[in-house]
Amino acid sequence: LTLSLQDILARYKRMDGYKTLYQPGLDHAGIATQNVVEKQLLSQGIKKEDLGREEFVKKVWEWKEKSGGAILEQMKRLGVSAAFSRTRFTMDKGLQRAVKLAFLKWYEQGLIVQDNYMVNWCTKDGALSDIEVEYEERKGALYYIRYYLENQKDYLVVATTRPETLFGDSALMVNPNDERYKHLVGQQVI
């Protein structure tokens, strides 16, 4: 979807007479890549510390060539109108320098601030990007709770996996366009 939207905008601007460069970029630097490469090495019984920085960075570049090539090939097969001869990678020296300078400039201008936000956190490795989080499905119980309508014997059944939140419930909502629930609009529950 992201590629489609970018491609649509680039094509539209070209049709509108603008000189438009849609430059593809591969963002395989940083924590996410490090974790992927580390896991690959660990599966072979190798720790990144055993390799040293230079050899580890070489492994990252190898991984980039392999996975980045697949990504670019997918983009081409989709018909994306990008300038593939101008592809950039986040670990390119010139790009790294430009990013650092931009970051410093924005920091000095007060555009980058430190604040409290939700962060995926690993007690071993620190902050994690969303791509590194491993989700697991757990079977759980589904509880059905009756909310009685005020001054009536009728009730509305709500299903939840978190019955402990019942005490914090302050409102129930129904789709006013759903025939099954139209009679409940404006009703109070206890």
C-alpha atoms as a PDB file:
ATOM      1  CA  LEU A   1       0.000   0.000   0.000  1.00  0.00           C
ATOM      2  CA  THR A   2       2.786   2.426   0.892  1.00  0.00           C
ATOM      3  CA  LEU A   3       4.466   1.904  -2.474  1.00  0.00           C
ATOM      4  CA  SER A   4       1.160   2.342  -4.279  1.00  0.00           C
ATOM      5  CA  LEU A   5       0.473   5.693  -2.643  1.00  0.00           C
ATOM      6  CA  GLN A   6       4.002   6.960  -3.274  1.00  0.00           C
ATOM      7  CA  ASP A   7       3.861   5.814  -6.891  1.00  0.00           C
ATOM      8  CA  ILE A   8       0.458   7.421  -7.446  1.00  0.00           C
ATOM      9  CA  LEU A   9       1.742  10.747  -6.107  1.00  0.00           C
ATOM     10  CA  ALA A  10       4.915  10.609  -8.222  1.00  0.00           C
ATOM     11  CA  ARG A  11       2.980   9.746 -11.393  1.00  0.00           C
ATOM     12  CA  TYR A  12       0.365  12.423 -10.697  1.00  0.00           C
ATOM     13  CA  LYS A  13       3.018  15.121 -10.227  1.00  0.00           C
ATOM     14  CA  ARG A  14       4.768  14.037 -13.437  1.00  0.00           C
ATOM     15  CA  MET A  15       1.466  14.259 -15.335  1.00  0.00           C
ATOM     16  CA  ASP A  16       0.944  17.693 -13.788  1.00  0.00           C
ATOM     17  CA  GLY A  17       4.230  18.903 -15.316  1.00  0.00           C
ATOM     18  CA  TYR A  18       6.550  18.625 -12.317  1.00  0.00           C
ATOM     19  CA  LYS A  19      10.043  17.161 -12.632  1.00  0.00           C
ATOM     20  CA  THR A  20       9.561  14.369 -10.127  1.00  0.00           C
ATOM     21  CA  LEU A  21      12.199  12.046  -8.704  1.00  0.00           C
ATOM     22  CA  TYR A  22      10.872   8.963  -6.965  1.00  0.00           C
ATOM     23  CA  GLN A  23      14.071   7.695  -5.400  1.00  0.00           C
ATOM     24  CA  PRO A  24      13.870   4.251  -3.825  1.00  0.00           C
ATOM     25  CA  GLY A  25      15.562   3.735  -0.505  1.00  0.00           C
ATOM     26  CA  LEU A  26      16.338   0.716   1.588  1.00  0.00           C
ATOM     27  CA  ASP A  27      16.205   1.196   5.341  1.00  0.00           C
ATOM     28  CA  HIS A  28      18.031  -1.823   6.648  1.00  0.00           C
ATOM     29  CA  ALA A  29      20.269  -0.049   9.140  1.00  0.00           C
ATOM     30  CA  GLY A  30      19.948   0.081  12.874  1.00  0.00           C
ATOM     31  CA  ILE A  31      18.516  -2.120  15.547  1.00  0.00           C
ATOM     32  CA  ALA A  32      16.166  -4.179  13.363  1.00  0.00           C
ATOM     33  CA  THR A  33      18.921  -5.264  10.990  1.00  0.00           C
ATOM     34  CA  GLN A  34      21.333  -5.882  13.817  1.00  0.00           C
ATOM     35  CA  ASN A  35      18.853  -8.215  15.493  1.00  0.00           C
ATOM     36  CA  VAL A  36      18.105 -10.115  12.274  1.00  0.00           C
ATOM     37  CA  VAL A  37      21.796 -10.591  11.481  1.00  0.00           C
ATOM     38  CA  GLU A  38      22.585 -11.495  15.111  1.00  0.00           C
ATOM     39  CA  LYS A  39      19.848 -14.164  15.081  1.00  0.00           C
ATOM     40  CA  GLN A  40      21.221 -15.599  11.840  1.00  0.00           C
ATOM     41  CA  LEU A  41      24.708 -15.734  13.336  1.00  0.00           C
ATOM     42  CA  LEU A  42      23.462 -17.273  16.596  1.00  0.00           C
ATOM     43  CA  SER A  43      21.703 -20.001  14.617  1.00  0.00           C
ATOM     44  CA  GLN A  44      25.195 -20.855  13.352  1.00  0.00           C
ATOM     45  CA  GLY A  45      26.623 -20.695  16.889  1.00  0.00           C
ATOM     46  CA  ILE A  46      28.403 -17.363  16.279  1.00  0.00           C
ATOM     47  CA  LYS A  47      28.132 -14.279  18.511  1.00  0.00           C
ATOM     48  CA  LYS A  48      28.575 -10.850  16.939  1.00  0.00           C
ATOM     49  CA  GLU A  49      31.245 -10.085  19.530  1.00  0.00           C
ATOM     50  CA  ASP A  50      33.283 -13.006  18.159  1.00  0.00           C
ATOM     51  CA  LEU A  51      33.351 -11.363  14.719  1.00  0.00           C
ATOM     52  CA  GLY A  52      34.353  -7.847  15.702  1.00  0.00           C
ATOM     53  CA  ARG A  53      32.766  -4.643  14.401  1.00  0.00           C
ATOM     54  CA  GLU A  54      34.256  -4.675  10.904  1.00  0.00           C
ATOM     55  CA  GLU A  55      33.282  -8.274  10.127  1.00  0.00           C
ATOM     56  CA  PHE A  56      29.815  -7.774  11.641  1.00  0.00           C
ATOM     57  CA  VAL A  57      29.197  -4.698   9.458  1.00  0.00           C
ATOM     58  CA  LYS A  58      30.289  -6.805   6.475  1.00  0.00           C
ATOM     59  CA  LYS A  59      27.607  -9.373   7.409  1.00  0.00           C
ATOM     60  CA  VAL A  60      25.022  -6.581   7.601  1.00  0.00           C
ATOM     61  CA  TRP A  61      25.967  -5.443   4.089  1.00  0.00           C
ATOM     62  CA  GLU A  62      25.689  -9.031   2.831  1.00  0.00           C
ATOM     63  CA  TRP A  63      22.226  -9.291   4.350  1.00  0.00           C
ATOM     64  CA  LYS A  64      21.271  -5.938   2.786  1.00  0.00           C
ATOM     65  CA  GLU A  65      22.383  -7.102  -0.659  1.00  0.00           C
ATOM     66  CA  LYS A  66      20.320 -10.260  -0.306  1.00  0.00           C
ATOM     67  CA  SER A  67      17.121  -8.807   1.187  1.00  0.00           C
ATOM     68  CA  GLY A  68      17.410  -5.377  -0.435  1.00  0.00           C
ATOM     69  CA  GLY A  69      17.701  -6.965  -3.849  1.00  0.00           C
ATOM     70  CA  ALA A  70      14.513  -8.923  -3.209  1.00  0.00           C
ATOM     71  CA  ILE A  71      12.671  -5.771  -2.130  1.00  0.00           C
ATOM     72  CA  LEU A  72      13.762  -3.838  -5.223  1.00  0.00           C
ATOM     73  CA  GLU A  73      12.825  -6.766  -7.452  1.00  0.00           C
ATOM     74  CA  GLN A  74       9.346  -6.837  -5.888  1.00  0.00           C
ATOM     75  CA  MET A  75       8.990  -3.099  -6.507  1.00  0.00           C
ATOM     76  CA  LYS A  76       9.948  -3.572 -10.166  1.00  0.00           C
ATOM     77  CA  ARG A  77       7.490  -6.447 -10.599  1.00  0.00           C
ATOM     78  CA  LEU A  78       4.756  -4.247  -9.137  1.00  0.00           C
ATOM     79  CA  GLY A  79       5.544  -1.650 -11.802  1.00  0.00           C
ATOM     80  CA  VAL A  80       6.659   1.077  -9.400  1.00  0.00           C
ATOM     81  CA  SER A  81       7.942   4.074 -11.397  1.00  0.00           C
ATOM     82  CA  ALA A  82      10.989   4.721  -9.205  1.00  0.00           C
ATOM     83  CA  ALA A  83      14.475   5.696 -10.427  1.00  0.00           C
ATOM     84  CA  PHE A  84      16.063   2.365  -9.511  1.00  0.00           C
ATOM     85  CA  SER A  85      19.501   3.471 -10.735  1.00  0.00           C
ATOM     86  CA  ARG A  86      19.494   6.027  -7.881  1.00  0.00           C
ATOM     87  CA  THR A  87      18.619   3.630  -5.042  1.00  0.00           C
ATOM     88  CA  ARG A  88      19.994   4.647  -1.649  1.00  0.00           C
ATOM     89  CA  PHE A  89      20.724   2.630   1.475  1.00  0.00           C
ATOM     90  CA  THR A  90      20.706   4.022   5.008  1.00  0.00           C
ATOM     91  CA  MET A  91      24.259   2.822   5.652  1.00  0.00           C
ATOM     92  CA  ASP A  92      25.688   4.724   2.652  1.00  0.00           C
ATOM     93  CA  LYS A  93      28.413   7.057   3.983  1.00  0.00           C
ATOM     94  CA  GLY A  94      27.023  10.217   2.370  1.00  0.00           C
ATOM     95  CA  LEU A  95      23.519   9.460   3.539  1.00  0.00           C
ATOM     96  CA  GLN A  96      24.663   8.774   7.111  1.00  0.00           C
ATOM     97  CA  ARG A  97      26.457  12.130   7.224  1.00  0.00           C
ATOM     98  CA  ALA A  98      23.426  13.971   5.809  1.00  0.00           C
ATOM     99  CA  VAL A  99      21.134  12.358   8.396  1.00  0.00           C
ATOM    100  CA  LYS A 100      23.464  13.305  11.278  1.00  0.00           C
ATOM    101  CA  LEU A 101      23.710  16.911  10.080  1.00  0.00           C
ATOM    102  CA  ALA A 102      19.938  17.180   9.637  1.00  0.00           C
ATOM    103  CA  PHE A 103      19.341  15.664  13.080  1.00  0.00           C
ATOM    104  CA  LEU A 104      21.752  18.122  14.734  1.00  0.00           C
ATOM    105  CA  LYS A 105      20.202  21.068  12.884  1.00  0.00           C
ATOM    106  CA  TRP A 106      16.676  20.075  13.898  1.00  0.00           C
ATOM    107  CA  TYR A 107      17.793  19.474  17.495  1.00  0.00           C
ATOM    108  CA  GLU A 108      19.365  22.942  17.660  1.00  0.00           C
ATOM    109  CA  GLN A 109      16.136  24.422  16.252  1.00  0.00           C
ATOM    110  CA  GLY A 110      14.111  22.662  18.964  1.00  0.00           C
ATOM    111  CA  LEU A 111      12.323  20.437  16.443  1.00  0.00           C
ATOM    112  CA  ILE A 112      13.548  17.243  18.101  1.00  0.00           C
ATOM    113  CA  VAL A 113      12.676  16.804  21.753  1.00  0.00           C
ATOM    114  CA  GLN A 114      12.991  14.152  24.404  1.00  0.00           C
ATOM    115  CA  ASP A 115       9.629  13.126  25.815  1.00  0.00           C
ATOM    116  CA  ASN A 116       7.696  10.229  27.290  1.00  0.00           C
ATOM    117  CA  TYR A 117       6.302   7.798  24.703  1.00  0.00           C
ATOM    118  CA  MET A 118       5.358   4.155  24.546  1.00  0.00           C
ATOM    119  CA  VAL A 119       8.444   2.141  23.619  1.00  0.00           C
ATOM    120  CA  ASN A 120       8.895  -1.562  22.909  1.00  0.00           C
ATOM    121  CA  TRP A 121      11.529  -2.424  25.494  1.00  0.00           C
ATOM    122  CA  CYS A 122      13.767  -5.439  25.977  1.00  0.00           C
ATOM    123  CA  THR A 123      15.588  -5.616  29.305  1.00  0.00           C
ATOM    124  CA  LYS A 124      18.592  -7.122  27.501  1.00  0.00           C
ATOM    125  CA  ASP A 125      18.821  -5.009  24.334  1.00  0.00           C
ATOM    126  CA  GLY A 126      16.923  -1.804  25.154  1.00  0.00           C
ATOM    127  CA  ALA A 127      14.524  -0.157  22.697  1.00  0.00           C
ATOM    128  CA  LEU A 128      13.068  -2.313  19.916  1.00  0.00           C
ATOM    129  CA  SER A 129      11.402  -1.285  16.685  1.00  0.00           C
ATOM    130  CA  ASP A 130       7.927  -2.679  15.952  1.00  0.00           C
ATOM    131  CA  ILE A 131       9.428  -5.064  13.381  1.00  0.00           C
ATOM    132  CA  GLU A 132      11.508  -6.747  16.108  1.00  0.00           C
ATOM    133  CA  VAL A 133       8.634  -7.461  18.477  1.00  0.00           C
ATOM    134  CA  GLU A 134       7.611 -11.088  18.461  1.00  0.00           C
ATOM    135  CA  TYR A 135       3.910 -11.525  19.095  1.00  0.00           C
ATOM    136  CA  GLU A 136       2.513 -14.784  20.310  1.00  0.00           C
ATOM    137  CA  GLU A 137      -1.068 -15.946  20.254  1.00  0.00           C
ATOM    138  CA  ARG A 138      -2.406 -17.281  23.498  1.00  0.00           C
ATOM    139  CA  LYS A 139      -5.631 -19.148  23.970  1.00  0.00           C
ATOM    140  CA  GLY A 140      -7.822 -17.372  26.440  1.00  0.00           C
ATOM    141  CA  ALA A 141     -11.337 -17.460  27.723  1.00  0.00           C
ATOM    142  CA  LEU A 142     -14.114 -15.328  26.288  1.00  0.00           C
ATOM    143  CA  TYR A 143     -16.451 -14.009  28.975  1.00  0.00           C
ATOM    144  CA  TYR A 144     -20.029 -12.921  28.339  1.00  0.00           C
ATOM    145  CA  ILE A 145     -21.314 -10.160  30.592  1.00  0.00           C
ATOM    146  CA  ARG A 146     -24.944  -9.097  30.889  1.00  0.00           C
ATOM    147  CA  TYR A 147     -25.614  -5.389  31.161  1.00  0.00           C
ATOM    148  CA  TYR A 148     -29.222  -4.935  32.275  1.00  0.00           C
ATOM    149  CA  LEU A 149     -31.190  -2.069  30.801  1.00  0.00           C
ATOM    150  CA  GLU A 150     -32.278   0.446  33.399  1.00  0.00           C
ATOM    151  CA  ASN A 151     -35.845  -0.184  34.663  1.00  0.00           C
ATOM    152  CA  GLN A 152     -36.219  -3.264  32.436  1.00  0.00           C
ATOM    153  CA  LYS A 153     -35.650  -6.988  32.580  1.00  0.00           C
ATOM    154  CA  ASP A 154     -33.926  -6.950  29.168  1.00  0.00           C
ATOM    155  CA  TYR A 155     -30.174  -6.983  28.944  1.00  0.00           C
ATOM    156  CA  LEU A 156     -27.362  -6.556  26.459  1.00  0.00           C
ATOM    157  CA  VAL A 157     -24.643  -9.221  26.298  1.00  0.00           C
ATOM    158  CA  VAL A 158     -21.069  -8.083  25.755  1.00  0.00           C
ATOM    159  CA  ALA A 159     -18.210 -10.511  25.098  1.00  0.00           C
ATOM    160  CA  THR A 160     -14.745  -9.713  26.454  1.00  0.00           C
ATOM    161  CA  THR A 161     -11.418 -11.361  27.173  1.00  0.00           C
ATOM    162  CA  ARG A 162     -10.815  -8.850  29.970  1.00  0.00           C
ATOM    163  CA  PRO A 163     -13.603  -9.183  32.550  1.00  0.00           C
ATOM    164  CA  GLU A 164     -11.544  -7.301  35.134  1.00  0.00           C
ATOM    165  CA  THR A 165     -12.221  -4.085  33.218  1.00  0.00           C
ATOM    166  CA  LEU A 166     -15.946  -4.358  33.980  1.00  0.00           C
ATOM    167  CA  PHE A 167     -15.574  -2.058  36.987  1.00  0.00           C
ATOM    168  CA  GLY A 168     -14.154   0.707  34.809  1.00  0.00           C
ATOM    169  CA  ASP A 169     -16.882   0.511  32.162  1.00  0.00           C
ATOM    170  CA  SER A 170     -18.699   3.810  31.857  1.00  0.00           C
ATOM    171  CA  ALA A 171     -20.548   3.406  28.560  1.00  0.00           C
ATOM    172  CA  LEU A 172     -21.622   0.889  25.954  1.00  0.00           C
ATOM    173  CA  MET A 173     -21.903   1.770  22.294  1.00  0.00           C
ATOM    174  CA  VAL A 174     -23.969   0.204  19.560  1.00  0.00           C
ATOM    175  CA  ASN A 175     -24.169   0.879  15.855  1.00  0.00           C
ATOM    176  CA  PRO A 176     -27.291   3.046  15.505  1.00  0.00           C
ATOM    177  CA  ASN A 177     -27.719   1.809  11.914  1.00  0.00           C
ATOM    178  CA  ASP A 178     -27.805  -1.859  12.936  1.00  0.00           C
ATOM    179  CA  GLU A 179     -31.450  -2.957  13.112  1.00  0.00           C
ATOM    180  CA  ARG A 180     -30.663  -5.378  15.965  1.00  0.00           C
ATOM    181  CA  TYR A 181     -29.630  -2.533  18.275  1.00  0.00           C
ATOM    182  CA  LYS A 182     -31.681   0.496  17.173  1.00  0.00           C
ATOM    183  CA  HIS A 183     -34.040   0.071  20.124  1.00  0.00           C
ATOM    184  CA  LEU A 184     -31.063   0.456  22.498  1.00  0.00           C
ATOM    185  CA  VAL A 185     -29.957   3.902  21.318  1.00  0.00           C
ATOM    186  CA  GLY A 186     -30.327   6.337  24.216  1.00  0.00           C
ATOM    187  CA  GLN A 187     -30.980   3.568  26.767  1.00  0.00           C
ATOM    188  CA  GLN A 188     -29.156   3.348  30.092  1.00  0.00           C
ATOM    189  CA  VAL A 189     -27.605   0.171  31.487  1.00  0.00           C
ATOM    190  CA  ILE A 190     -26.809  -0.733  35.066  1.00  0.00           C
END
